[in-house]
Amino acid sequence: PGLSHSLRRRAFCEKMGPAVHEGANFMILGGDIGGTKSNLAAFERDGKHLSKRYQRIYHSREVGSFDEMLRAFLSEMDSGAKIEAACFGVAGPVIGHWVHPTNLSWPVDAVAAGKILGTEHVRLVNDMGATFAGIDALEPDDLVTLQRGTGDPGATQALIAAGTGLGESFRVRVDDGYRVVPSEGGHADFAPRTAQEIDVLRCLKQTHAWVDIETGGSGRGFYFLHHFLDPGVDHPDFHEDGEDPAAEITHRALDGACSICVQAVDLWVSLYGAEAGNLALKTLARGGVFIAGGIAGKILPKLTSGRFVEAFSQKAALGDVLSAIPITVVLNPEAPLVGAAATAAALL
């Protein structure tokens, strides 16, 4: 209801299990709200165990508002289910019960969401906080080690996640658990390290008054770097409606079909690795650095090539410290969704 035909047709990517039926148990609602897609799922709670029962992925920019999305989800899920608690990981700074996602036009309000869902147990967290919570619930197969290191289980851990935007956060040990520290580090200034990266900055300054790390280090950076390296090389998919140039560039880079695509992805990986190293230094993340986000699993061969780790550790004074920090890639793209659901369950 209230959604255009186009949105109803496209407002799903995956449906997990049947819709909840009349008389179903109380449900936990988890959400991962990003600039490109918003992933909502209802979970059945059995003690501390959560079982996913229903899921929809919406195209965020085609939704008129967050409230509209929630109402559509509830209608599709079936009115017989009762949402007991909800948590939404949102790509943006959470201020009290409100957040305006960085790359979207509409805000998310926990109070308004609670009225729609019929529960006072609603929490908003930054998507990086949700990802941290999700990492703790993942299986070993969901993780890949880039650098084993030595690590310190009681030390600070850092998280960087590239997708539509670039998220950064860290968490510190408190008593027998962790406390996540929110961050908007992806919007800090881009710091070039090489002559080529200085040229990248000069090129970006032609169209951007301010150049942050996210500009080149998120998914949209692939197309810019490709154009920077050789504006004369073009591919048909770059201009098709609904197609993401980043997907075409990374695909051609992995199969070696386009040398400029290969160079663009290699340069992007170096920028990403260098920024992960910056984050590790600023937080002294001797407990480990996690690489999450939708891009990591798609370009895993490039991340494991050694280029990322090399850029991570190339710091003038503390290269040895960085070489001892464990680096782990999070392969499961639903880590923030799982973490949001676990956070919602903890409210009860």
C-alpha atoms as a PDB file:
ATOM      1  CA  PRO A   1       0.000   0.000   0.000  1.00  0.00           C
ATOM      2  CA  GLY A   2       1.239   3.451  -0.920  1.00  0.00           C
ATOM      3  CA  LEU A   3       4.042   2.058  -3.089  1.00  0.00           C
ATOM      4  CA  SER A   4       4.257   2.545  -6.831  1.00  0.00           C
ATOM      5  CA  HIS A   5       3.901  -0.458  -9.107  1.00  0.00           C
ATOM      6  CA  SER A   6       7.600  -0.129  -9.992  1.00  0.00           C
ATOM      7  CA  LEU A   7       8.593  -0.252  -6.347  1.00  0.00           C
ATOM      8  CA  ARG A   8       6.316  -3.183  -5.548  1.00  0.00           C
ATOM      9  CA  ARG A   9       7.868  -5.049  -8.457  1.00  0.00           C
ATOM     10  CA  ARG A  10      11.465  -4.265  -7.489  1.00  0.00           C
ATOM     11  CA  ALA A  11      11.151  -4.003  -3.707  1.00  0.00           C
ATOM     12  CA  PHE A  12      12.627  -7.391  -3.014  1.00  0.00           C
ATOM     13  CA  CYS A  13      15.842  -9.238  -3.525  1.00  0.00           C
ATOM     14  CA  GLU A  14      15.289 -12.349  -1.453  1.00  0.00           C
ATOM     15  CA  LYS A  15      12.443 -13.890   0.487  1.00  0.00           C
ATOM     16  CA  MET A  16      13.533 -16.083   3.385  1.00  0.00           C
ATOM     17  CA  GLY A  17      10.873 -18.621   4.266  1.00  0.00           C
ATOM     18  CA  PRO A  18       7.108 -18.144   4.122  1.00  0.00           C
ATOM     19  CA  ALA A  19       5.311 -15.040   5.271  1.00  0.00           C
ATOM     20  CA  VAL A  20       4.408 -15.193   8.947  1.00  0.00           C
ATOM     21  CA  HIS A  21       0.948 -16.681   9.409  1.00  0.00           C
ATOM     22  CA  GLU A  22      -1.918 -15.785  11.707  1.00  0.00           C
ATOM     23  CA  GLY A  23      -1.213 -16.676  15.312  1.00  0.00           C
ATOM     24  CA  ALA A  24       2.561 -16.650  14.910  1.00  0.00           C
ATOM     25  CA  ASN A  25       4.830 -15.953  17.869  1.00  0.00           C
ATOM     26  CA  PHE A  26       6.090 -12.506  18.753  1.00  0.00           C
ATOM     27  CA  MET A  27       8.781 -11.419  16.320  1.00  0.00           C
ATOM     28  CA  ILE A  28      12.023  -9.460  16.407  1.00  0.00           C
ATOM     29  CA  LEU A  29      12.555  -6.971  13.573  1.00  0.00           C
ATOM     30  CA  GLY A  30      16.057  -6.182  12.377  1.00  0.00           C
ATOM     31  CA  GLY A  31      16.988  -3.682   9.701  1.00  0.00           C
ATOM     32  CA  ASP A  32      20.066  -2.589   7.781  1.00  0.00           C
ATOM     33  CA  ILE A  33      19.310   0.815   6.225  1.00  0.00           C
ATOM     34  CA  GLY A  34      21.795   1.903   3.558  1.00  0.00           C
ATOM     35  CA  GLY A  35      22.081   4.353   0.708  1.00  0.00           C
ATOM     36  CA  THR A  36      21.393   1.748  -1.987  1.00  0.00           C
ATOM     37  CA  LYS A  37      19.273  -0.884  -0.275  1.00  0.00           C
ATOM     38  CA  SER A  38      17.398  -1.404   2.966  1.00  0.00           C
ATOM     39  CA  ASN A  39      17.275  -4.933   4.324  1.00  0.00           C
ATOM     40  CA  LEU A  40      14.437  -5.777   6.736  1.00  0.00           C
ATOM     41  CA  ALA A  41      13.864  -9.174   8.324  1.00  0.00           C
ATOM     42  CA  ALA A  42      11.569 -10.633  10.973  1.00  0.00           C
ATOM     43  CA  PHE A  43      13.074 -13.191  13.358  1.00  0.00           C
ATOM     44  CA  GLU A  44      11.407 -15.669  15.666  1.00  0.00           C
ATOM     45  CA  ARG A  45      12.972 -15.748  19.113  1.00  0.00           C
ATOM     46  CA  ASP A  46      13.621 -18.961  21.018  1.00  0.00           C
ATOM     47  CA  GLY A  47      15.606 -18.036  24.096  1.00  0.00           C
ATOM     48  CA  LYS A  48      18.786 -16.455  22.750  1.00  0.00           C
ATOM     49  CA  HIS A  49      18.411 -18.059  19.337  1.00  0.00           C
ATOM     50  CA  LEU A  50      16.934 -16.057  16.449  1.00  0.00           C
ATOM     51  CA  SER A  51      15.488 -17.755  13.351  1.00  0.00           C
ATOM     52  CA  LYS A  52      14.816 -15.655  10.284  1.00  0.00           C
ATOM     53  CA  ARG A  53      11.225 -16.038   9.126  1.00  0.00           C
ATOM     54  CA  TYR A  54      10.610 -13.292   6.572  1.00  0.00           C
ATOM     55  CA  GLN A  55      12.834 -10.871   4.695  1.00  0.00           C
ATOM     56  CA  ARG A  56      12.579  -8.107   2.124  1.00  0.00           C
ATOM     57  CA  ILE A  57      15.227  -5.907   0.548  1.00  0.00           C
ATOM     58  CA  TYR A  58      14.018  -2.524  -0.678  1.00  0.00           C
ATOM     59  CA  HIS A  59      15.692  -0.110  -3.079  1.00  0.00           C
ATOM     60  CA  SER A  60      16.223   2.761  -0.666  1.00  0.00           C
ATOM     61  CA  ARG A  61      16.014   5.627  -3.146  1.00  0.00           C
ATOM     62  CA  GLU A  62      12.698   4.362  -4.531  1.00  0.00           C
ATOM     63  CA  VAL A  63      11.004   4.477  -1.142  1.00  0.00           C
ATOM     64  CA  GLY A  64       9.222   7.722  -0.254  1.00  0.00           C
ATOM     65  CA  SER A  65       9.964   7.452   3.476  1.00  0.00           C
ATOM     66  CA  PHE A  66      11.119   5.042   6.143  1.00  0.00           C
ATOM     67  CA  ASP A  67       7.605   4.928   7.604  1.00  0.00           C
ATOM     68  CA  GLU A  68       6.261   3.899   4.190  1.00  0.00           C
ATOM     69  CA  MET A  69       8.783   1.081   4.041  1.00  0.00           C
ATOM     70  CA  LEU A  70       7.819  -0.202   7.486  1.00  0.00           C
ATOM     71  CA  ARG A  71       4.113  -0.192   6.666  1.00  0.00           C
ATOM     72  CA  ALA A  72       4.768  -2.058   3.417  1.00  0.00           C
ATOM     73  CA  PHE A  73       6.868  -4.664   5.236  1.00  0.00           C
ATOM     74  CA  LEU A  74       4.210  -5.238   7.895  1.00  0.00           C
ATOM     75  CA  SER A  75       1.533  -5.610   5.224  1.00  0.00           C
ATOM     76  CA  GLU A  76       3.583  -8.153   3.299  1.00  0.00           C
ATOM     77  CA  MET A  77       4.655 -10.053   6.407  1.00  0.00           C
ATOM     78  CA  ASP A  78       1.011 -10.539   7.553  1.00  0.00           C
ATOM     79  CA  SER A  79      -0.898  -8.670  10.234  1.00  0.00           C
ATOM     80  CA  GLY A  80      -1.065 -11.748  12.451  1.00  0.00           C
ATOM     81  CA  ALA A  81       2.534 -11.267  13.594  1.00  0.00           C
ATOM     82  CA  LYS A  82       3.359  -8.959  16.484  1.00  0.00           C
ATOM     83  CA  ILE A  83       6.676  -7.104  16.506  1.00  0.00           C
ATOM     84  CA  GLU A  84       8.036  -7.305  20.031  1.00  0.00           C
ATOM     85  CA  ALA A  85      11.209  -5.257  19.530  1.00  0.00           C
ATOM     86  CA  ALA A  86      13.119  -3.689  16.642  1.00  0.00           C
ATOM     87  CA  CYS A  87      16.545  -2.294  15.901  1.00  0.00           C
ATOM     88  CA  PHE A  88      17.747  -0.572  12.759  1.00  0.00           C
ATOM     89  CA  GLY A  89      21.378  -0.110  11.807  1.00  0.00           C
ATOM     90  CA  VAL A  90      21.508   3.099   9.772  1.00  0.00           C
ATOM     91  CA  ALA A  91      24.309   4.528   7.649  1.00  0.00           C
ATOM     92  CA  GLY A  92      24.517   7.908   9.368  1.00  0.00           C
ATOM     93  CA  PRO A  93      25.098   9.599  12.741  1.00  0.00           C
ATOM     94  CA  VAL A  94      22.439   8.633  15.294  1.00  0.00           C
ATOM     95  CA  ILE A  95      21.363  11.582  17.451  1.00  0.00           C
ATOM     96  CA  GLY A  96      19.020  10.433  20.209  1.00  0.00           C
ATOM     97  CA  HIS A  97      16.078   8.652  18.579  1.00  0.00           C
ATOM     98  CA  TRP A  98      16.668  10.176  15.131  1.00  0.00           C
ATOM     99  CA  VAL A  99      19.095   9.802  12.245  1.00  0.00           C
ATOM    100  CA  HIS A 100      19.254  11.146   8.701  1.00  0.00           C
ATOM    101  CA  PRO A 101      21.040   8.555   6.533  1.00  0.00           C
ATOM    102  CA  THR A 102      24.043  10.181   4.864  1.00  0.00           C
ATOM    103  CA  ASN A 103      23.140   9.164   1.312  1.00  0.00           C
ATOM    104  CA  LEU A 104      19.331   9.326   1.492  1.00  0.00           C
ATOM    105  CA  SER A 105      16.729  12.098   1.442  1.00  0.00           C
ATOM    106  CA  TRP A 106      14.544  10.780   4.269  1.00  0.00           C
ATOM    107  CA  PRO A 107      15.166  10.450   8.039  1.00  0.00           C
ATOM    108  CA  VAL A 108      14.605   7.524  10.401  1.00  0.00           C
ATOM    109  CA  ASP A 109      12.750   8.262  13.645  1.00  0.00           C
ATOM    110  CA  ALA A 110      12.611   5.561  16.330  1.00  0.00           C
ATOM    111  CA  VAL A 111       9.557   7.078  18.052  1.00  0.00           C
ATOM    112  CA  ALA A 112       7.558   7.166  14.819  1.00  0.00           C
ATOM    113  CA  ALA A 113       8.714   3.631  13.989  1.00  0.00           C
ATOM    114  CA  GLY A 114       7.579   2.419  17.405  1.00  0.00           C
ATOM    115  CA  LYS A 115       4.078   3.764  16.809  1.00  0.00           C
ATOM    116  CA  ILE A 116       3.869   1.962  13.468  1.00  0.00           C
ATOM    117  CA  LEU A 117       5.207  -1.287  14.909  1.00  0.00           C
ATOM    118  CA  GLY A 118       3.204  -1.082  18.119  1.00  0.00           C
ATOM    119  CA  THR A 119       6.152  -1.393  20.483  1.00  0.00           C
ATOM    120  CA  GLU A 120       8.225   0.949  22.615  1.00  0.00           C
ATOM    121  CA  HIS A 121      11.261  -1.302  22.214  1.00  0.00           C
ATOM    122  CA  VAL A 122      12.851   0.350  19.181  1.00  0.00           C
ATOM    123  CA  ARG A 123      16.489   1.336  18.926  1.00  0.00           C
ATOM    124  CA  LEU A 124      18.579   3.036  16.255  1.00  0.00           C
ATOM    125  CA  VAL A 125      22.310   2.350  15.968  1.00  0.00           C
ATOM    126  CA  ASN A 126      24.921   3.309  13.430  1.00  0.00           C
ATOM    127  CA  ASP A 127      25.303   0.579  10.823  1.00  0.00           C
ATOM    128  CA  MET A 128      28.885  -0.011  11.971  1.00  0.00           C
ATOM    129  CA  GLY A 129      27.657  -0.744  15.488  1.00  0.00           C
ATOM    130  CA  ALA A 130      25.154  -3.204  14.044  1.00  0.00           C
ATOM    131  CA  THR A 131      27.937  -4.825  12.016  1.00  0.00           C
ATOM    132  CA  PHE A 132      30.114  -5.262  15.094  1.00  0.00           C
ATOM    133  CA  ALA A 133      27.191  -6.970  16.866  1.00  0.00           C
ATOM    134  CA  GLY A 134      26.690  -9.196  13.821  1.00  0.00           C
ATOM    135  CA  ILE A 135      30.354 -10.209  13.608  1.00  0.00           C
ATOM    136  CA  ASP A 136      30.093 -11.782  17.060  1.00  0.00           C
ATOM    137  CA  ALA A 137      27.305 -14.071  15.777  1.00  0.00           C
ATOM    138  CA  LEU A 138      28.978 -15.189  12.536  1.00  0.00           C
ATOM    139  CA  GLU A 139      30.337 -18.635  11.747  1.00  0.00           C
ATOM    140  CA  PRO A 140      34.067 -19.182  11.047  1.00  0.00           C
ATOM    141  CA  ASP A 141      33.279 -19.703   7.344  1.00  0.00           C
ATOM    142  CA  ASP A 142      31.998 -16.113   7.204  1.00  0.00           C
ATOM    143  CA  LEU A 143      35.481 -14.760   7.938  1.00  0.00           C
ATOM    144  CA  VAL A 144      38.743 -14.723   5.961  1.00  0.00           C
ATOM    145  CA  THR A 145      42.114 -13.763   7.441  1.00  0.00           C
ATOM    146  CA  LEU A 146      44.233 -11.277   5.477  1.00  0.00           C
ATOM    147  CA  GLN A 147      46.891 -10.878   8.149  1.00  0.00           C
ATOM    148  CA  ARG A 148      47.167 -13.241  11.067  1.00  0.00           C
ATOM    149  CA  GLY A 149      49.225 -10.965  13.299  1.00  0.00           C
ATOM    150  CA  THR A 150      49.595 -11.549  17.010  1.00  0.00           C
ATOM    151  CA  GLY A 151      46.788  -9.427  18.366  1.00  0.00           C
ATOM    152  CA  ASP A 152      45.578  -8.713  21.870  1.00  0.00           C
ATOM    153  CA  PRO A 153      42.095 -10.078  22.737  1.00  0.00           C
ATOM    154  CA  GLY A 154      41.559  -7.315  25.290  1.00  0.00           C
ATOM    155  CA  ALA A 155      42.577  -4.436  23.035  1.00  0.00           C
ATOM    156  CA  THR A 156      40.551  -2.102  20.829  1.00  0.00           C
ATOM    157  CA  GLN A 157      39.077  -3.480  17.597  1.00  0.00           C
ATOM    158  CA  ALA A 158      38.356  -1.410  14.487  1.00  0.00           C
ATOM    159  CA  LEU A 159      35.914  -1.837  11.613  1.00  0.00           C
ATOM    160  CA  ILE A 160      35.903  -0.344   8.116  1.00  0.00           C
ATOM    161  CA  ALA A 161      33.192  -1.092   5.575  1.00  0.00           C
ATOM    162  CA  ALA A 162      32.962   0.133   1.990  1.00  0.00           C
ATOM    163  CA  GLY A 163      29.692   0.028   0.098  1.00  0.00           C
ATOM    164  CA  THR A 164      27.595   2.913  -1.167  1.00  0.00           C
ATOM    165  CA  GLY A 165      29.469   4.938   1.446  1.00  0.00           C
ATOM    166  CA  LEU A 166      32.481   4.283   3.651  1.00  0.00           C
ATOM    167  CA  GLY A 167      31.811   3.452   7.288  1.00  0.00           C
ATOM    168  CA  GLU A 168      34.328   3.380  10.105  1.00  0.00           C
ATOM    169  CA  SER A 169      34.037   2.582  13.793  1.00  0.00           C
ATOM    170  CA  PHE A 170      35.836   0.924  16.687  1.00  0.00           C
ATOM    171  CA  ARG A 171      35.005  -0.725  19.976  1.00  0.00           C
ATOM    172  CA  VAL A 172      36.774  -0.869  23.322  1.00  0.00           C
ATOM    173  CA  ARG A 173      36.708  -3.544  25.987  1.00  0.00           C
ATOM    174  CA  VAL A 174      34.466  -2.700  28.938  1.00  0.00           C
ATOM    175  CA  ASP A 175      34.303  -5.215  31.796  1.00  0.00           C
ATOM    176  CA  ASP A 176      33.489  -8.514  30.056  1.00  0.00           C
ATOM    177  CA  GLY A 177      32.108  -7.015  26.834  1.00  0.00           C
ATOM    178  CA  TYR A 178      32.661  -4.265  24.274  1.00  0.00           C
ATOM    179  CA  ARG A 179      31.370  -0.742  23.850  1.00  0.00           C
ATOM    180  CA  VAL A 180      31.112   0.530  20.278  1.00  0.00           C
ATOM    181  CA  VAL A 181      32.289   4.098  19.684  1.00  0.00           C
ATOM    182  CA  PRO A 182      30.363   5.789  16.833  1.00  0.00           C
ATOM    183  CA  SER A 183      32.381   7.440  14.094  1.00  0.00           C
ATOM    184  CA  GLU A 184      31.943   9.268  10.806  1.00  0.00           C
ATOM    185  CA  GLY A 185      35.593   8.783   9.862  1.00  0.00           C
ATOM    186  CA  GLY A 186      34.697   8.062   6.238  1.00  0.00           C
ATOM    187  CA  HIS A 187      34.040  11.783   5.832  1.00  0.00           C
ATOM    188  CA  ALA A 188      37.496  12.814   7.015  1.00  0.00           C
ATOM    189  CA  ASP A 189      39.815  14.385   4.444  1.00  0.00           C
ATOM    190  CA  PHE A 190      41.359  12.190   1.754  1.00  0.00           C
ATOM    191  CA  ALA A 191      45.129  11.982   2.340  1.00  0.00           C
ATOM    192  CA  PRO A 192      47.080  10.955  -0.804  1.00  0.00           C
ATOM    193  CA  ARG A 193      50.374   9.105  -0.277  1.00  0.00           C
ATOM    194  CA  THR A 194      51.900   8.799  -3.762  1.00  0.00           C
ATOM    195  CA  ALA A 195      52.356  11.027  -6.792  1.00  0.00           C
ATOM    196  CA  GLN A 196      49.521   9.173  -8.519  1.00  0.00           C
ATOM    197  CA  GLU A 197      47.208   9.628  -5.521  1.00  0.00           C
ATOM    198  CA  ILE A 198      48.053  13.351  -5.453  1.00  0.00           C
ATOM    199  CA  ASP A 199      46.905  13.479  -9.076  1.00  0.00           C
ATOM    200  CA  VAL A 200      43.710  11.679  -8.023  1.00  0.00           C
ATOM    201  CA  LEU A 201      43.093  14.409  -5.434  1.00  0.00           C
ATOM    202  CA  ARG A 202      43.738  17.172  -7.979  1.00  0.00           C
ATOM    203  CA  CYS A 203      41.274  15.551 -10.364  1.00  0.00           C
ATOM    204  CA  LEU A 204      38.615  15.186  -7.677  1.00  0.00           C
ATOM    205  CA  LYS A 205      39.052  18.822  -6.654  1.00  0.00           C
ATOM    206  CA  GLN A 206      37.890  19.867 -10.103  1.00  0.00           C
ATOM    207  CA  THR A 207      34.367  18.685  -9.286  1.00  0.00           C
ATOM    208  CA  HIS A 208      34.318  18.523  -5.465  1.00  0.00           C
ATOM    209  CA  ALA A 209      34.796  21.480  -3.129  1.00  0.00           C
ATOM    210  CA  TRP A 210      35.723  19.045  -0.360  1.00  0.00           C
ATOM    211  CA  VAL A 211      37.231  15.624  -0.985  1.00  0.00           C
ATOM    212  CA  ASP A 212      36.666  13.085   1.767  1.00  0.00           C
ATOM    213  CA  ILE A 213      37.887   9.517   1.983  1.00  0.00           C
ATOM    214  CA  GLU A 214      34.475   8.196   0.984  1.00  0.00           C
ATOM    215  CA  THR A 215      34.593   9.968  -2.399  1.00  0.00           C
ATOM    216  CA  GLY A 216      37.225   7.608  -3.772  1.00  0.00           C
ATOM    217  CA  GLY A 217      37.127   4.828  -1.189  1.00  0.00           C
ATOM    218  CA  SER A 218      33.478   3.782  -1.521  1.00  0.00           C
ATOM    219  CA  GLY A 219      31.711   1.950  -4.341  1.00  0.00           C
ATOM    220  CA  ARG A 220      31.317   5.067  -6.442  1.00  0.00           C
ATOM    221  CA  GLY A 221      35.093   5.493  -6.426  1.00  0.00           C
ATOM    222  CA  PHE A 222      35.582   2.670  -8.950  1.00  0.00           C
ATOM    223  CA  TYR A 223      34.062   4.591 -11.856  1.00  0.00           C
ATOM    224  CA  PHE A 224      35.918   7.782 -10.983  1.00  0.00           C
ATOM    225  CA  LEU A 225      39.270   5.954 -10.788  1.00  0.00           C
ATOM    226  CA  HIS A 226      38.551   4.185 -14.080  1.00  0.00           C
ATOM    227  CA  HIS A 227      37.840   7.538 -15.756  1.00  0.00           C
ATOM    228  CA  PHE A 228      40.900   9.093 -14.089  1.00  0.00           C
ATOM    229  CA  LEU A 229      43.206   6.395 -15.449  1.00  0.00           C
ATOM    230  CA  ASP A 230      41.890   6.570 -19.022  1.00  0.00           C
ATOM    231  CA  PRO A 231      38.770   8.590 -19.929  1.00  0.00           C
ATOM    232  CA  GLY A 232      38.913   7.120 -23.432  1.00  0.00           C
ATOM    233  CA  VAL A 233      38.072   3.580 -22.281  1.00  0.00           C
ATOM    234  CA  ASP A 234      34.340   3.010 -22.006  1.00  0.00           C
ATOM    235  CA  HIS A 235      31.998   0.037 -21.641  1.00  0.00           C
ATOM    236  CA  PRO A 236      28.347  -0.167 -22.763  1.00  0.00           C
ATOM    237  CA  ASP A 237      27.076  -1.145 -19.327  1.00  0.00           C
ATOM    238  CA  PHE A 238      28.342   2.157 -17.905  1.00  0.00           C
ATOM    239  CA  HIS A 239      25.394   3.925 -19.547  1.00  0.00           C
ATOM    240  CA  GLU A 240      22.532   1.470 -19.040  1.00  0.00           C
ATOM    241  CA  ASP A 241      19.747   2.536 -16.703  1.00  0.00           C
ATOM    242  CA  GLY A 242      19.888   0.797 -13.367  1.00  0.00           C
ATOM    243  CA  GLU A 243      23.379  -0.611 -13.934  1.00  0.00           C
ATOM    244  CA  ASP A 244      26.179   0.142 -11.493  1.00  0.00           C
ATOM    245  CA  PRO A 245      29.508   0.853 -13.243  1.00  0.00           C
ATOM    246  CA  ALA A 246      31.333  -0.464 -10.172  1.00  0.00           C
ATOM    247  CA  ALA A 247      29.944  -3.956 -10.742  1.00  0.00           C
ATOM    248  CA  GLU A 248      31.106  -3.957 -14.356  1.00  0.00           C
ATOM    249  CA  ILE A 249      34.547  -2.617 -13.450  1.00  0.00           C
ATOM    250  CA  THR A 250      35.171  -5.128 -10.674  1.00  0.00           C
ATOM    251  CA  HIS A 251      33.897  -8.006 -12.827  1.00  0.00           C
ATOM    252  CA  ARG A 252      36.199  -7.080 -15.726  1.00  0.00           C
ATOM    253  CA  ALA A 253      39.094  -6.581 -13.299  1.00  0.00           C
ATOM    254  CA  LEU A 254      38.718 -10.015 -11.741  1.00  0.00           C
ATOM    255  CA  ASP A 255      38.615 -11.834 -15.079  1.00  0.00           C
ATOM    256  CA  GLY A 256      41.319  -9.594 -16.588  1.00  0.00           C
ATOM    257  CA  ALA A 257      39.111  -8.494 -19.507  1.00  0.00           C
ATOM    258  CA  CYS A 258      40.073  -4.809 -19.232  1.00  0.00           C
ATOM    259  CA  SER A 259      43.514  -3.542 -18.171  1.00  0.00           C
ATOM    260  CA  ILE A 260      42.097  -0.175 -17.057  1.00  0.00           C
ATOM    261  CA  CYS A 261      39.550  -1.969 -14.878  1.00  0.00           C
ATOM    262  CA  VAL A 262      42.396  -3.980 -13.343  1.00  0.00           C
ATOM    263  CA  GLN A 263      44.376  -0.823 -12.619  1.00  0.00           C
ATOM    264  CA  ALA A 264      41.321   0.975 -11.220  1.00  0.00           C
ATOM    265  CA  VAL A 265      40.513  -1.829  -8.769  1.00  0.00           C
ATOM    266  CA  ASP A 266      44.169  -2.196  -7.757  1.00  0.00           C
ATOM    267  CA  LEU A 267      44.360   1.548  -7.047  1.00  0.00           C
ATOM    268  CA  TRP A 268      41.093   1.406  -5.099  1.00  0.00           C
ATOM    269  CA  VAL A 269      42.385  -1.499  -2.979  1.00  0.00           C
ATOM    270  CA  SER A 270      45.525   0.488  -2.136  1.00  0.00           C
ATOM    271  CA  LEU A 271      43.453   3.517  -1.095  1.00  0.00           C
ATOM    272  CA  TYR A 272      41.239   1.267   1.004  1.00  0.00           C
ATOM    273  CA  GLY A 273      44.148  -0.498   2.665  1.00  0.00           C
ATOM    274  CA  ALA A 274      45.894   2.782   3.470  1.00  0.00           C
ATOM    275  CA  GLU A 275      42.747   4.178   5.102  1.00  0.00           C
ATOM    276  CA  ALA A 276      42.267   0.967   7.107  1.00  0.00           C
ATOM    277  CA  GLY A 277      45.825   1.435   8.362  1.00  0.00           C
ATOM    278  CA  ASN A 278      45.044   5.047   9.295  1.00  0.00           C
ATOM    279  CA  LEU A 279      42.028   3.866  11.281  1.00  0.00           C
ATOM    280  CA  ALA A 280      44.129   1.211  13.025  1.00  0.00           C
ATOM    281  CA  LEU A 281      46.697   3.840  14.051  1.00  0.00           C
ATOM    282  CA  LYS A 282      44.117   6.340  15.302  1.00  0.00           C
ATOM    283  CA  THR A 283      42.423   3.722  17.472  1.00  0.00           C
ATOM    284  CA  LEU A 284      45.510   1.572  18.176  1.00  0.00           C
ATOM    285  CA  ALA A 285      43.402  -1.425  17.185  1.00  0.00           C
ATOM    286  CA  ARG A 286      45.737  -4.150  18.421  1.00  0.00           C
ATOM    287  CA  GLY A 287      42.693  -6.372  18.918  1.00  0.00           C
ATOM    288  CA  GLY A 288      42.176  -6.568  15.164  1.00  0.00           C
ATOM    289  CA  VAL A 289      40.720  -4.767  12.159  1.00  0.00           C
ATOM    290  CA  PHE A 290      37.613  -6.087  10.386  1.00  0.00           C
ATOM    291  CA  ILE A 291      36.901  -5.358   6.707  1.00  0.00           C
ATOM    292  CA  ALA A 292      33.149  -5.490   6.069  1.00  0.00           C
ATOM    293  CA  GLY A 293      30.659  -3.961   3.642  1.00  0.00           C
ATOM    294  CA  GLY A 294      29.170  -5.207   0.400  1.00  0.00           C
ATOM    295  CA  ILE A 295      32.308  -4.770  -1.696  1.00  0.00           C
ATOM    296  CA  ALA A 296      34.784  -6.893   0.284  1.00  0.00           C
ATOM    297  CA  GLY A 297      33.388 -10.313  -0.616  1.00  0.00           C
ATOM    298  CA  LYS A 298      32.990  -9.365  -4.279  1.00  0.00           C
ATOM    299  CA  ILE A 299      36.663  -8.477  -4.748  1.00  0.00           C
ATOM    300  CA  LEU A 300      38.170 -10.945  -2.265  1.00  0.00           C
ATOM    301  CA  PRO A 301      40.917 -12.109  -4.697  1.00  0.00           C
ATOM    302  CA  LYS A 302      42.109  -8.503  -4.931  1.00  0.00           C
ATOM    303  CA  LEU A 303      42.059  -8.062  -1.159  1.00  0.00           C
ATOM    304  CA  THR A 304      44.068 -11.260  -0.632  1.00  0.00           C
ATOM    305  CA  SER A 305      46.657 -10.353  -3.289  1.00  0.00           C
ATOM    306  CA  GLY A 306      48.852  -8.560  -0.727  1.00  0.00           C
ATOM    307  CA  ARG A 307      48.190  -5.038  -2.038  1.00  0.00           C
ATOM    308  CA  PHE A 308      45.727  -4.205   0.759  1.00  0.00           C
ATOM    309  CA  VAL A 309      48.029  -5.438   3.541  1.00  0.00           C
ATOM    310  CA  GLU A 310      51.017  -3.632   2.024  1.00  0.00           C
ATOM    311  CA  ALA A 311      49.194  -0.288   1.954  1.00  0.00           C
ATOM    312  CA  PHE A 312      47.824  -0.972   5.461  1.00  0.00           C
ATOM    313  CA  SER A 313      51.299  -1.317   6.993  1.00  0.00           C
ATOM    314  CA  GLN A 314      53.242   1.331   5.064  1.00  0.00           C
ATOM    315  CA  LYS A 315      53.425   3.952   7.813  1.00  0.00           C
ATOM    316  CA  ALA A 316      56.639   5.802   8.560  1.00  0.00           C
ATOM    317  CA  ALA A 317      57.124   5.073  12.244  1.00  0.00           C
ATOM    318  CA  LEU A 318      54.765   2.255  13.237  1.00  0.00           C
ATOM    319  CA  GLY A 319      54.833  -0.246  10.391  1.00  0.00           C
ATOM    320  CA  ASP A 320      55.894  -3.008  12.774  1.00  0.00           C
ATOM    321  CA  VAL A 321      52.919  -2.321  15.042  1.00  0.00           C
ATOM    322  CA  LEU A 322      50.517  -2.480  12.107  1.00  0.00           C
ATOM    323  CA  SER A 323      52.103  -5.698  10.826  1.00  0.00           C
ATOM    324  CA  ALA A 324      51.162  -7.352  14.132  1.00  0.00           C
ATOM    325  CA  ILE A 325      47.467  -6.407  13.917  1.00  0.00           C
ATOM    326  CA  PRO A 326      45.103  -9.184  12.739  1.00  0.00           C
ATOM    327  CA  ILE A 327      43.083  -8.205   9.654  1.00  0.00           C
ATOM    328  CA  THR A 328      39.892 -10.128   8.914  1.00  0.00           C
ATOM    329  CA  VAL A 329      37.447  -9.861   5.993  1.00  0.00           C
ATOM    330  CA  VAL A 330      33.759 -10.307   6.828  1.00  0.00           C
ATOM    331  CA  LEU A 331      32.209 -12.257   3.937  1.00  0.00           C
ATOM    332  CA  ASN A 332      28.616 -12.361   5.161  1.00  0.00           C
ATOM    333  CA  PRO A 333      26.894  -9.202   3.826  1.00  0.00           C
ATOM    334  CA  GLU A 334      24.091  -9.656   6.351  1.00  0.00           C
ATOM    335  CA  ALA A 335      26.301  -9.049   9.385  1.00  0.00           C
ATOM    336  CA  PRO A 336      24.630  -5.675  10.140  1.00  0.00           C
ATOM    337  CA  LEU A 337      21.161  -7.215   9.775  1.00  0.00           C
ATOM    338  CA  VAL A 338      22.018 -10.059  12.154  1.00  0.00           C
ATOM    339  CA  GLY A 339      23.581  -7.567  14.557  1.00  0.00           C
ATOM    340  CA  ALA A 340      20.535  -5.307  14.495  1.00  0.00           C
ATOM    341  CA  ALA A 341      18.265  -8.248  15.287  1.00  0.00           C
ATOM    342  CA  ALA A 342      20.511  -9.355  18.158  1.00  0.00           C
ATOM    343  CA  THR A 343      20.507  -5.795  19.527  1.00  0.00           C
ATOM    344  CA  ALA A 344      16.698  -5.691  19.319  1.00  0.00           C
ATOM    345  CA  ALA A 345      16.412  -8.980  21.197  1.00  0.00           C
ATOM    346  CA  ALA A 346      18.691  -7.626  23.915  1.00  0.00           C
ATOM    347  CA  LEU A 347      16.194  -4.810  24.547  1.00  0.00           C
ATOM    348  CA  LEU A 348      13.865  -7.419  26.013  1.00  0.00           C
END
